[in-house]
PDB file of N, CA and C in Angstrom:
ATOM      1  N   MET A   1      -7.187 -13.057   7.667  1.00  0.00           N
ATOM      2  CA  MET A   1      -5.843 -11.829   7.609  1.00  0.00           C
ATOM      3  C   MET A   1      -6.626 -11.790   9.262  1.00  0.00           C
ATOM      4  N   ILE A   2      -5.188 -11.291   9.701  1.00  0.00           N
ATOM      5  CA  ILE A   2      -5.479 -11.187  11.498  1.00  0.00           C
ATOM      6  C   ILE A   2      -5.099  -9.095  11.469  1.00  0.00           C
ATOM      7  N   GLU A   3      -6.023  -8.992  12.173  1.00  0.00           N
ATOM      8  CA  GLU A   3      -5.748  -7.736  12.293  1.00  0.00           C
ATOM      9  C   GLU A   3      -5.309  -7.398  13.538  1.00  0.00           C
ATOM     10  N   LEU A   4      -3.968  -5.978  13.314  1.00  0.00           N
ATOM     11  CA  LEU A   4      -3.313  -5.683  14.633  1.00  0.00           C
ATOM     12  C   LEU A   4      -3.848  -3.854  15.285  1.00  0.00           C
ATOM     13  N   THR A   5      -3.408  -3.909  16.161  1.00  0.00           N
ATOM     14  CA  THR A   5      -3.723  -1.987  16.710  1.00  0.00           C
ATOM     15  C   THR A   5      -2.531  -1.472  15.967  1.00  0.00           C
ATOM     16  N   PRO A   6      -2.175  -0.241  15.717  1.00  0.00           N
ATOM     17  CA  PRO A   6      -0.541  -0.005  14.901  1.00  0.00           C
ATOM     18  C   PRO A   6       0.214   0.467  16.392  1.00  0.00           C
ATOM     19  N   GLN A   7      -0.242  -0.195  17.398  1.00  0.00           N
ATOM     20  CA  GLN A   7       1.220  -0.040  18.039  1.00  0.00           C
ATOM     21  C   GLN A   7       1.289  -1.917  17.537  1.00  0.00           C
ATOM     22  N   GLU A   8       0.700  -2.854  18.026  1.00  0.00           N
ATOM     23  CA  GLU A   8       0.977  -3.930  17.694  1.00  0.00           C
ATOM     24  C   GLU A   8       1.639  -3.560  16.812  1.00  0.00           C
ATOM     25  N   PHE A   9       0.984  -3.636  15.650  1.00  0.00           N
ATOM     26  CA  PHE A   9       2.234  -3.731  14.334  1.00  0.00           C
ATOM     27  C   PHE A   9       3.620  -2.940  14.547  1.00  0.00           C
ATOM     28  N   SER A  10       3.434  -1.889  14.825  1.00  0.00           N
ATOM     29  CA  SER A  10       4.768  -1.216  15.145  1.00  0.00           C
ATOM     30  C   SER A  10       6.219  -1.939  16.029  1.00  0.00           C
ATOM     31  N   LEU A  11       5.671  -2.432  17.029  1.00  0.00           N
ATOM     32  CA  LEU A  11       6.392  -3.302  17.358  1.00  0.00           C
ATOM     33  C   LEU A  11       6.832  -4.989  16.585  1.00  0.00           C
ATOM     34  N   LEU A  12       5.879  -5.357  15.540  1.00  0.00           N
ATOM     35  CA  LEU A  12       6.306  -6.510  15.301  1.00  0.00           C
ATOM     36  C   LEU A  12       7.030  -5.959  14.327  1.00  0.00           C
ATOM     37  N   TYR A  13       7.050  -4.629  13.579  1.00  0.00           N
ATOM     38  CA  TYR A  13       8.211  -4.087  12.378  1.00  0.00           C
ATOM     39  C   TYR A  13       8.922  -4.063  12.964  1.00  0.00           C
ATOM     40  N   VAL A  14       9.200  -3.773  14.374  1.00  0.00           N
ATOM     41  CA  VAL A  14      10.099  -3.126  14.770  1.00  0.00           C
ATOM     42  C   VAL A  14      11.261  -4.578  14.976  1.00  0.00           C
ATOM     43  N   LEU A  15      10.598  -5.784  15.423  1.00  0.00           N
ATOM     44  CA  LEU A  15      11.173  -6.744  15.868  1.00  0.00           C
ATOM     45  C   LEU A  15      11.557  -7.600  14.217  1.00  0.00           C
ATOM     46  N   ALA A  16      11.135  -7.436  13.439  1.00  0.00           N
ATOM     47  CA  ALA A  16      11.126  -7.616  11.767  1.00  0.00           C
ATOM     48  C   ALA A  16      12.309  -6.929  11.771  1.00  0.00           C
ATOM     49  N   GLN A  17      12.333  -5.783  11.767  1.00  0.00           N
ATOM     50  CA  GLN A  17      13.985  -5.300  11.622  1.00  0.00           C
ATOM     51  C   GLN A  17      15.294  -5.944  11.900  1.00  0.00           C
ATOM     52  N   ALA A  18      14.699  -6.302  13.554  1.00  0.00           N
ATOM     53  CA  ALA A  18      15.971  -7.025  13.510  1.00  0.00           C
ATOM     54  C   ALA A  18      17.141  -8.068  13.712  1.00  0.00           C
ATOM     55  N   SER A  19      16.245  -8.727  12.421  1.00  0.00           N
ATOM     56  CA  SER A  19      16.435  -9.788  11.825  1.00  0.00           C
ATOM     57  C   SER A  19      16.749 -10.983  12.831  1.00  0.00           C
ATOM     58  N   GLY A  20      16.164 -11.328  13.430  1.00  0.00           N
ATOM     59  CA  GLY A  20      16.355 -12.641  14.244  1.00  0.00           C
ATOM     60  C   GLY A  20      17.403 -12.059  15.747  1.00  0.00           C
ATOM     61  N   LEU A  21      17.683 -11.448  15.946  1.00  0.00           N
ATOM     62  CA  LEU A  21      17.948 -10.663  16.769  1.00  0.00           C
ATOM     63  C   LEU A  21      17.639 -10.325  17.811  1.00  0.00           C
ATOM     64  N   PRO A  22      17.675 -11.005  19.325  1.00  0.00           N
ATOM     65  CA  PRO A  22      16.772 -10.299  20.438  1.00  0.00           C
ATOM     66  C   PRO A  22      16.913  -8.972  20.811  1.00  0.00           C
ATOM     67  N   LEU A  23      15.906  -8.369  21.275  1.00  0.00           N
ATOM     68  CA  LEU A  23      15.837  -6.782  21.513  1.00  0.00           C
ATOM     69  C   LEU A  23      15.603  -6.921  22.861  1.00  0.00           C
ATOM     70  N   SER A  24      16.284  -5.298  23.730  1.00  0.00           N
ATOM     71  CA  SER A  24      15.500  -5.463  24.905  1.00  0.00           C
ATOM     72  C   SER A  24      14.680  -4.992  24.762  1.00  0.00           C
ATOM     73  N   ARG A  25      13.813  -5.101  26.221  1.00  0.00           N
ATOM     74  CA  ARG A  25      12.512  -4.016  26.533  1.00  0.00           C
ATOM     75  C   ARG A  25      13.229  -2.996  26.630  1.00  0.00           C
ATOM     76  N   SER A  26      13.914  -1.954  26.911  1.00  0.00           N
ATOM     77  CA  SER A  26      14.374  -0.776  26.361  1.00  0.00           C
ATOM     78  C   SER A  26      14.511  -0.443  25.039  1.00  0.00           C
ATOM     79  N   GLU A  27      14.782  -1.304  24.805  1.00  0.00           N
ATOM     80  CA  GLU A  27      15.223  -0.865  23.216  1.00  0.00           C
ATOM     81  C   GLU A  27      13.803  -0.951  21.958  1.00  0.00           C
ATOM     82  N   LEU A  28      13.076  -1.833  22.414  1.00  0.00           N
ATOM     83  CA  LEU A  28      12.225  -2.149  21.707  1.00  0.00           C
ATOM     84  C   LEU A  28      10.816  -0.624  21.988  1.00  0.00           C
ATOM     85  N   LEU A  29      11.128  -0.057  23.080  1.00  0.00           N
ATOM     86  CA  LEU A  29      10.209   1.108  24.001  1.00  0.00           C
ATOM     87  C   LEU A  29      10.639   2.222  22.494  1.00  0.00           C
ATOM     88  N   GLN A  30      12.154   2.180  23.129  1.00  0.00           N
ATOM     89  CA  GLN A  30      12.466   3.387  22.143  1.00  0.00           C
ATOM     90  C   GLN A  30      12.211   3.172  20.691  1.00  0.00           C
ATOM     91  N   ARG A  31      11.969   2.046  20.158  1.00  0.00           N
ATOM     92  CA  ARG A  31      12.491   1.868  18.567  1.00  0.00           C
ATOM     93  C   ARG A  31      10.462   1.932  18.499  1.00  0.00           C
ATOM     94  N   ALA A  32       9.482   1.046  19.094  1.00  0.00           N
ATOM     95  CA  ALA A  32       8.726   0.793  18.740  1.00  0.00           C
ATOM     96  C   ALA A  32       7.173   2.026  19.185  1.00  0.00           C
ATOM     97  N   TRP A  33       7.706   2.542  20.056  1.00  0.00           N
ATOM     98  CA  TRP A  33       7.145   3.516  20.941  1.00  0.00           C
ATOM     99  C   TRP A  33       6.816   4.708  20.597  1.00  0.00           C
ATOM    100  N   PRO A  34       5.673   5.963  19.736  1.00  0.00           N
ATOM    101  CA  PRO A  34       5.607   7.188  19.805  1.00  0.00           C
ATOM    102  C   PRO A  34       5.939   8.168  20.380  1.00  0.00           C
ATOM    103  N   ASP A  35       5.702   8.122  21.843  1.00  0.00           N
ATOM    104  CA  ASP A  35       5.929   8.402  23.072  1.00  0.00           C
ATOM    105  C   ASP A  35       7.197   7.939  24.265  1.00  0.00           C
ATOM    106  N   ALA A  36       7.390   8.244  24.424  1.00  0.00           N
ATOM    107  CA  ALA A  36       8.417   8.255  25.879  1.00  0.00           C
ATOM    108  C   ALA A  36       7.942   7.156  26.921  1.00  0.00           C
ATOM    109  N   ILE A  37       7.662   6.412  27.165  1.00  0.00           N
ATOM    110  CA  ILE A  37       7.605   5.536  27.966  1.00  0.00           C
ATOM    111  C   ILE A  37       8.370   4.665  28.988  1.00  0.00           C
ATOM    112  N   ASP A  38       8.827   4.599  30.133  1.00  0.00           N
ATOM    113  CA  ASP A  38       9.664   4.049  30.745  1.00  0.00           C
ATOM    114  C   ASP A  38       9.136   2.552  31.686  1.00  0.00           C
ATOM    115  N   ASN A  39       7.943   2.331  31.647  1.00  0.00           N
ATOM    116  CA  ASN A  39       7.217   1.231  31.525  1.00  0.00           C
ATOM    117  C   ASN A  39       7.498  -0.167  30.574  1.00  0.00           C
ATOM    118  N   HIS A  40       8.575  -1.400  31.086  1.00  0.00           N
ATOM    119  CA  HIS A  40       9.301  -2.413  30.557  1.00  0.00           C
ATOM    120  C   HIS A  40       7.975  -3.367  30.447  1.00  0.00           C
ATOM    121  N   ARG A  41       6.748  -3.296  31.214  1.00  0.00           N
ATOM    122  CA  ARG A  41       5.273  -4.424  31.537  1.00  0.00           C
ATOM    123  C   ARG A  41       4.692  -3.953  30.173  1.00  0.00           C
ATOM    124  N   THR A  42       5.001  -2.613  29.639  1.00  0.00           N
ATOM    125  CA  THR A  42       4.183  -2.602  28.453  1.00  0.00           C
ATOM    126  C   THR A  42       4.478  -3.256  27.210  1.00  0.00           C
ATOM    127  N   VAL A  43       5.513  -3.014  27.355  1.00  0.00           N
ATOM    128  CA  VAL A  43       6.225  -3.938  25.930  1.00  0.00           C
ATOM    129  C   VAL A  43       5.758  -5.683  26.609  1.00  0.00           C
ATOM    130  N   ASP A  44       5.628  -6.117  27.197  1.00  0.00           N
ATOM    131  CA  ASP A  44       5.273  -7.409  27.633  1.00  0.00           C
ATOM    132  C   ASP A  44       4.117  -7.628  27.748  1.00  0.00           C
ATOM    133  N   THR A  45       3.160  -6.589  27.832  1.00  0.00           N
ATOM    134  CA  THR A  45       1.639  -6.414  27.583  1.00  0.00           C
ATOM    135  C   THR A  45       1.216  -6.924  26.033  1.00  0.00           C
ATOM    136  N   HIS A  46       2.128  -6.024  24.908  1.00  0.00           N
ATOM    137  CA  HIS A  46       1.703  -6.053  23.686  1.00  0.00           C
ATOM    138  C   HIS A  46       2.741  -7.444  23.096  1.00  0.00           C
ATOM    139  N   VAL A  47       3.563  -7.736  23.765  1.00  0.00           N
ATOM    140  CA  VAL A  47       3.963  -9.056  23.111  1.00  0.00           C
ATOM    141  C   VAL A  47       3.135  -9.981  23.801  1.00  0.00           C
ATOM    142  N   LEU A  48       2.322 -10.432  24.279  1.00  0.00           N
ATOM    143  CA  LEU A  48       1.318 -11.144  24.982  1.00  0.00           C
ATOM    144  C   LEU A  48       0.061 -11.051  23.529  1.00  0.00           C
ATOM    145  N   SER A  49      -0.464  -9.547  23.718  1.00  0.00           N
ATOM    146  CA  SER A  49      -1.295  -9.845  22.572  1.00  0.00           C
ATOM    147  C   SER A  49      -1.144 -10.188  21.418  1.00  0.00           C
ATOM    148  N   LEU A  50       0.225  -9.990  20.989  1.00  0.00           N
ATOM    149  CA  LEU A  50       0.926 -10.188  19.804  1.00  0.00           C
ATOM    150  C   LEU A  50       0.889 -11.832  19.378  1.00  0.00           C
ATOM    151  N   ARG A  51       1.173 -11.844  20.421  1.00  0.00           N
ATOM    152  CA  ARG A  51       1.212 -13.583  20.346  1.00  0.00           C
ATOM    153  C   ARG A  51      -0.028 -14.647  20.553  1.00  0.00           C
ATOM    154  N   LYS A  52      -1.098 -13.514  21.244  1.00  0.00           N
ATOM    155  CA  LYS A  52      -2.444 -14.340  21.261  1.00  0.00           C
ATOM    156  C   LYS A  52      -3.053 -14.265  19.486  1.00  0.00           C
ATOM    157  N   LYS A  53      -2.935 -13.351  19.284  1.00  0.00           N
ATOM    158  CA  LYS A  53      -3.372 -13.367  17.779  1.00  0.00           C
ATOM    159  C   LYS A  53      -2.607 -13.771  16.894  1.00  0.00           C
ATOM    160  N   LEU A  54      -1.349 -14.118  17.126  1.00  0.00           N
ATOM    161  CA  LEU A  54      -0.121 -14.857  16.063  1.00  0.00           C
ATOM    162  C   LEU A  54       0.431 -16.156  16.088  1.00  0.00           C
ATOM    163  N   GLU A  55       0.091 -16.734  17.704  1.00  0.00           N
ATOM    164  CA  GLU A  55       0.812 -17.672  17.410  1.00  0.00           C
ATOM    165  C   GLU A  55      -0.282 -18.997  17.344  1.00  0.00           C
ATOM    166  N   VAL A  56       0.125 -20.074  17.472  1.00  0.00           N
ATOM    167  CA  VAL A  56      -0.680 -21.582  17.383  1.00  0.00           C
ATOM    168  C   VAL A  56      -0.764 -21.615  18.929  1.00  0.00           C
ATOM    169  N   ASP A  57      -0.065 -22.081  19.303  1.00  0.00           N
ATOM    170  CA  ASP A  57      -0.169 -22.028  21.142  1.00  0.00           C
ATOM    171  C   ASP A  57       0.682 -20.894  21.541  1.00  0.00           C
ATOM    172  N   PRO A  58       0.157 -19.343  22.263  1.00  0.00           N
ATOM    173  CA  PRO A  58       0.415 -18.359  22.609  1.00  0.00           C
ATOM    174  C   PRO A  58       1.318 -18.724  23.770  1.00  0.00           C
ATOM    175  N   ARG A  59       0.902 -19.899  24.348  1.00  0.00           N
ATOM    176  CA  ARG A  59       2.066 -20.355  25.632  1.00  0.00           C
ATOM    177  C   ARG A  59       3.445 -20.904  25.933  1.00  0.00           C
ATOM    178  N   GLN A  60       3.668 -21.439  24.570  1.00  0.00           N
ATOM    179  CA  GLN A  60       4.678 -21.887  24.069  1.00  0.00           C
ATOM    180  C   GLN A  60       4.994 -21.050  22.684  1.00  0.00           C
ATOM    181  N   PRO A  61       5.106 -19.979  22.610  1.00  0.00           N
ATOM    182  CA  PRO A  61       5.237 -19.574  21.278  1.00  0.00           C
ATOM    183  C   PRO A  61       7.042 -19.650  20.517  1.00  0.00           C
ATOM    184  N   ASN A  62       6.638 -19.787  19.092  1.00  0.00           N
ATOM    185  CA  ASN A  62       7.343 -19.909  18.077  1.00  0.00           C
ATOM    186  C   ASN A  62       7.690 -18.351  17.502  1.00  0.00           C
ATOM    187  N   LEU A  63       7.164 -17.972  17.057  1.00  0.00           N
ATOM    188  CA  LEU A  63       7.255 -16.674  16.668  1.00  0.00           C
ATOM    189  C   LEU A  63       7.921 -15.620  17.036  1.00  0.00           C
ATOM    190  N   ILE A  64       7.162 -15.107  18.208  1.00  0.00           N
ATOM    191  CA  ILE A  64       7.897 -14.189  18.899  1.00  0.00           C
ATOM    192  C   ILE A  64       8.576 -14.799  20.371  1.00  0.00           C
ATOM    193  N   GLN A  65      10.007 -14.912  20.187  1.00  0.00           N
ATOM    194  CA  GLN A  65      10.655 -15.777  21.198  1.00  0.00           C
ATOM    195  C   GLN A  65      10.786 -14.923  22.386  1.00  0.00           C
ATOM    196  N   THR A  66      10.897 -15.367  23.840  1.00  0.00           N
ATOM    197  CA  THR A  66      11.228 -14.579  24.915  1.00  0.00           C
ATOM    198  C   THR A  66      12.800 -14.895  25.045  1.00  0.00           C
ATOM    199  N   VAL A  67      13.999 -14.262  24.902  1.00  0.00           N
ATOM    200  CA  VAL A  67      15.699 -14.382  25.240  1.00  0.00           C
ATOM    201  C   VAL A  67      15.114 -14.030  26.565  1.00  0.00           C
ATOM    202  N   ARG A  68      16.070 -15.350  27.179  1.00  0.00           N
ATOM    203  CA  ARG A  68      15.640 -15.364  28.919  1.00  0.00           C
ATOM    204  C   ARG A  68      17.439 -13.912  29.437  1.00  0.00           C
ATOM    205  N   ASN A  69      16.928 -12.848  30.040  1.00  0.00           N
ATOM    206  CA  ASN A  69      17.874 -11.904  30.085  1.00  0.00           C
ATOM    207  C   ASN A  69      18.221 -11.076  29.434  1.00  0.00           C
ATOM    208  N   VAL A  70      17.124 -10.951  28.089  1.00  0.00           N
ATOM    209  CA  VAL A  70      17.467  -9.948  27.281  1.00  0.00           C
ATOM    210  C   VAL A  70      16.283  -9.228  26.902  1.00  0.00           C
ATOM    211  N   GLY A  71      15.284 -10.191  26.028  1.00  0.00           N
ATOM    212  CA  GLY A  71      14.266  -9.501  25.690  1.00  0.00           C
ATOM    213  C   GLY A  71      13.236 -10.450  24.805  1.00  0.00           C
ATOM    214  N   TYR A  72      13.272 -10.316  23.038  1.00  0.00           N
ATOM    215  CA  TYR A  72      12.473 -10.628  22.421  1.00  0.00           C
ATOM    216  C   TYR A  72      13.024 -10.913  21.248  1.00  0.00           C
ATOM    217  N   ARG A  73      13.151 -11.530  20.388  1.00  0.00           N
ATOM    218  CA  ARG A  73      13.068 -11.852  18.797  1.00  0.00           C
ATOM    219  C   ARG A  73      11.940 -12.456  18.542  1.00  0.00           C
ATOM    220  N   LEU A  74      12.034 -11.975  17.232  1.00  0.00           N
ATOM    221  CA  LEU A  74      11.503 -12.365  16.241  1.00  0.00           C
ATOM    222  C   LEU A  74      12.339 -13.923  15.318  1.00  0.00           C
ATOM    223  N   ASN A  75      11.350 -15.004  15.263  1.00  0.00           N
ATOM    224  CA  ASN A  75      11.615 -16.289  14.909  1.00  0.00           C
ATOM    225  C   ASN A  75      11.650 -16.091  12.879  1.00  0.00           C
ATOM    226  N   ALA A  76      13.013 -15.682  12.755  1.00  0.00           N
ATOM    227  CA  ALA A  76      12.795 -15.151  11.489  1.00  0.00           C
ATOM    228  C   ALA A  76      12.805 -15.654  10.293  1.00  0.00           C
ATOM    229  N   GLU A  77      12.929 -17.031  10.385  1.00  0.00           N
ATOM    230  CA  GLU A  77      12.152 -18.564   9.692  1.00  0.00           C
ATOM    231  C   GLU A  77      11.070 -18.747   9.589  1.00  0.00           C
ATOM    232  N   LEU A  78      10.178 -18.069  10.866  1.00  0.00           N
ATOM    233  CA  LEU A  78       8.850 -18.492  11.179  1.00  0.00           C
ATOM    234  C   LEU A  78       8.179 -17.322  10.200  1.00  0.00           C
ATOM    235  N   ALA A  79       8.629 -15.902   9.889  1.00  0.00           N
ATOM    236  CA  ALA A  79       8.446 -14.878   8.896  1.00  0.00           C
ATOM    237  C   ALA A  79       8.535 -14.849   8.094  1.00  0.00           C
ATOM    238  N   LYS A  80       8.869 -15.598   7.416  1.00  0.00           N
ATOM    239  CA  LYS A  80       8.832 -15.490   6.134  1.00  0.00           C
ATOM    240  C   LYS A  80       7.710 -15.099   5.257  1.00  0.00           C
ATOM    241  N   PRO A  81       7.456 -14.748   4.198  1.00  0.00           N
ATOM    242  CA  PRO A  81       6.090 -14.968   3.548  1.00  0.00           C
ATOM    243  C   PRO A  81       5.978 -16.104   2.907  1.00  0.00           C
ATOM    244  N   ASP A  82       4.966 -16.447   2.689  1.00  0.00           N
ATOM    245  CA  ASP A  82       4.326 -17.614   2.307  1.00  0.00           C
ATOM    246  C   ASP A  82       3.547 -17.365   0.634  1.00  0.00           C
ATOM    247  N   GLU A  83       3.621 -15.861   0.263  1.00  0.00           N
ATOM    248  CA  GLU A  83       3.136 -15.405  -1.168  1.00  0.00           C
ATOM    249  C   GLU A  83       4.162 -14.746  -1.797  1.00  0.00           C
ATOM    250  N   PRO A  84       4.091 -14.359  -2.483  1.00  0.00           N
ATOM    251  CA  PRO A  84       5.439 -13.294  -3.191  1.00  0.00           C
ATOM    252  C   PRO A  84       4.081 -11.579  -2.898  1.00  0.00           C
ATOM    253  N   ALA A  85       5.070 -10.418  -2.834  1.00  0.00           N
ATOM    254  CA  ALA A  85       4.732  -9.572  -2.838  1.00  0.00           C
ATOM    255  C   ALA A  85       3.662  -9.104  -3.571  1.00  0.00           C
ATOM    256  N   PRO A  86       2.599  -7.993  -3.715  1.00  0.00           N
ATOM    257  CA  PRO A  86       1.685  -7.318  -4.662  1.00  0.00           C
ATOM    258  C   PRO A  86       3.006  -6.277  -5.507  1.00  0.00           C
ATOM    259  N   LYS A  87       2.615  -6.106  -6.537  1.00  0.00           N
ATOM    260  CA  LYS A  87       3.331  -4.902  -7.325  1.00  0.00           C
ATOM    261  C   LYS A  87       3.435  -3.613  -6.755  1.00  0.00           C
ATOM    262  N   ARG A  88       1.963  -3.399  -6.501  1.00  0.00           N
ATOM    263  CA  ARG A  88       2.033  -1.819  -5.972  1.00  0.00           C
ATOM    264  C   ARG A  88       1.075  -2.520  -4.584  1.00  0.00           C
ATOM    265  N   PRO A  89       1.963  -2.229  -2.987  1.00  0.00           N
ATOM    266  CA  PRO A  89       1.571  -2.547  -1.843  1.00  0.00           C
ATOM    267  C   PRO A  89       1.135  -1.356  -1.551  1.00  0.00           C
ATOM    268  N   HIS A  90      -0.324  -2.124  -0.320  1.00  0.00           N
ATOM    269  CA  HIS A  90      -1.348  -0.838   0.352  1.00  0.00           C
ATOM    270  C   HIS A  90      -0.524  -0.729   1.696  1.00  0.00           C
ATOM    271  N   ARG A  91      -0.662   0.801   1.139  1.00  0.00           N
ATOM    272  CA  ARG A  91      -0.101   1.765   2.670  1.00  0.00           C
ATOM    273  C   ARG A  91      -0.998   1.664   3.633  1.00  0.00           C
ATOM    274  N   PRO A  92      -1.273   0.757   4.805  1.00  0.00           N
ATOM    275  CA  PRO A  92      -2.499   1.679   5.602  1.00  0.00           C
ATOM    276  C   PRO A  92      -2.136   2.334   6.238  1.00  0.00           C
ATOM    277  N   THR A  93      -2.980   3.657   6.520  1.00  0.00           N
ATOM    278  CA  THR A  93      -2.791   4.647   7.584  1.00  0.00           C
ATOM    279  C   THR A  93      -2.899   4.441   8.886  1.00  0.00           C
ATOM    280  N   ARG A  94      -2.510   5.540   9.824  1.00  0.00           N
ATOM    281  CA  ARG A  94      -2.541   5.063  11.261  1.00  0.00           C
ATOM    282  C   ARG A  94      -3.811   4.773  11.417  1.00  0.00           C
ATOM    283  N   SER A  95      -4.696   5.201  11.031  1.00  0.00           N
ATOM    284  CA  SER A  95      -6.542   5.059  10.954  1.00  0.00           C
ATOM    285  C   SER A  95      -6.762   3.322  11.189  1.00  0.00           C
ATOM    286  N   GLN A  96      -5.893   2.703  10.295  1.00  0.00           N
ATOM    287  CA  GLN A  96      -6.611   1.890   9.498  1.00  0.00           C
ATOM    288  C   GLN A  96      -5.665   0.592  10.367  1.00  0.00           C
ATOM    289  N   PRO A  97      -7.058  -0.385  10.809  1.00  0.00           N
ATOM    290  CA  PRO A  97      -5.923  -1.432  11.010  1.00  0.00           C
ATOM    291  C   PRO A  97      -5.190  -2.731  10.017  1.00  0.00           C
ATOM    292  N   HIS A  98      -3.977  -3.048  10.933  1.00  0.00           N
ATOM    293  CA  HIS A  98      -2.561  -3.273  10.221  1.00  0.00           C
ATOM    294  C   HIS A  98      -2.911  -4.766   9.857  1.00  0.00           C
ATOM    295  N   SER A  99      -2.167  -5.624   8.910  1.00  0.00           N
ATOM    296  CA  SER A  99      -2.901  -7.146   8.995  1.00  0.00           C
ATOM    297  C   SER A  99      -1.172  -7.565   8.672  1.00  0.00           C
ATOM    298  N   PHE A 100      -1.343  -8.960   9.814  1.00  0.00           N
ATOM    299  CA  PHE A 100       0.020  -9.705   9.840  1.00  0.00           C
ATOM    300  C   PHE A 100       0.581 -10.129   8.081  1.00  0.00           C
ATOM    301  N   SER A 101      -0.723 -10.478   7.135  1.00  0.00           N
ATOM    302  CA  SER A 101      -0.323 -10.711   5.898  1.00  0.00           C
ATOM    303  C   SER A 101       0.418  -9.649   5.277  1.00  0.00           C
ATOM    304  N   ARG A 102      -0.123  -8.620   5.431  1.00  0.00           N
ATOM    305  CA  ARG A 102       0.405  -7.614   4.938  1.00  0.00           C
ATOM    306  C   ARG A 102       2.055  -6.847   5.255  1.00  0.00           C
ATOM    307  N   PHE A 103       2.445  -7.355   6.545  1.00  0.00           N
ATOM    308  CA  PHE A 103       3.414  -7.327   7.431  1.00  0.00           C
ATOM    309  C   PHE A 103       4.409  -7.897   6.471  1.00  0.00           C
ATOM    310  N   ALA A 104       4.214  -9.450   6.894  1.00  0.00           N
ATOM    311  CA  ALA A 104       4.880 -10.200   6.240  1.00  0.00           C
ATOM    312  C   ALA A 104       5.183 -10.437   4.666  1.00  0.00           C
ATOM    313  N   GLU A 105       4.568  -9.620   4.008  1.00  0.00           N
ATOM    314  CA  GLU A 105       4.711  -9.116   2.949  1.00  0.00           C
ATOM    315  C   GLU A 105       5.978  -7.881   2.197  1.00  0.00           C
ATOM    316  N   GLY A 106       6.790  -7.572   3.482  1.00  0.00           N
ATOM    317  CA  GLY A 106       7.150  -6.599   3.394  1.00  0.00           C
ATOM    318  C   GLY A 106       6.930  -5.325   3.655  1.00  0.00           C
ATOM    319  N   HIS A 107       5.565  -5.031   4.506  1.00  0.00           N
ATOM    320  CA  HIS A 107       5.191  -3.236   4.626  1.00  0.00           C
ATOM    321  C   HIS A 107       5.574  -3.232   6.062  1.00  0.00           C
TER     322      HIS A 107
END
């Protein structure tokens, strides 16, 4: 299991909701951050953190891809779950760490 901070989980969730379409840093800031933030480097920092946790080689990412002059996209082919979702999904609270395996199951 890979533990994600609530903000990392939010960012990953927003990328997954885009169904493989690239999102600009501005779009990601608007959709994934609870407070208004104008610093686009915040997105880059969190994407790097996610890559370190999720990618086999964070320097050559396959899951969270950079789209030049646009932003980032989630490679939908690699993000598909490996196992069926449970009948009663666990819903973590904001204080609990989130796991990528639970996210991949559609939470």
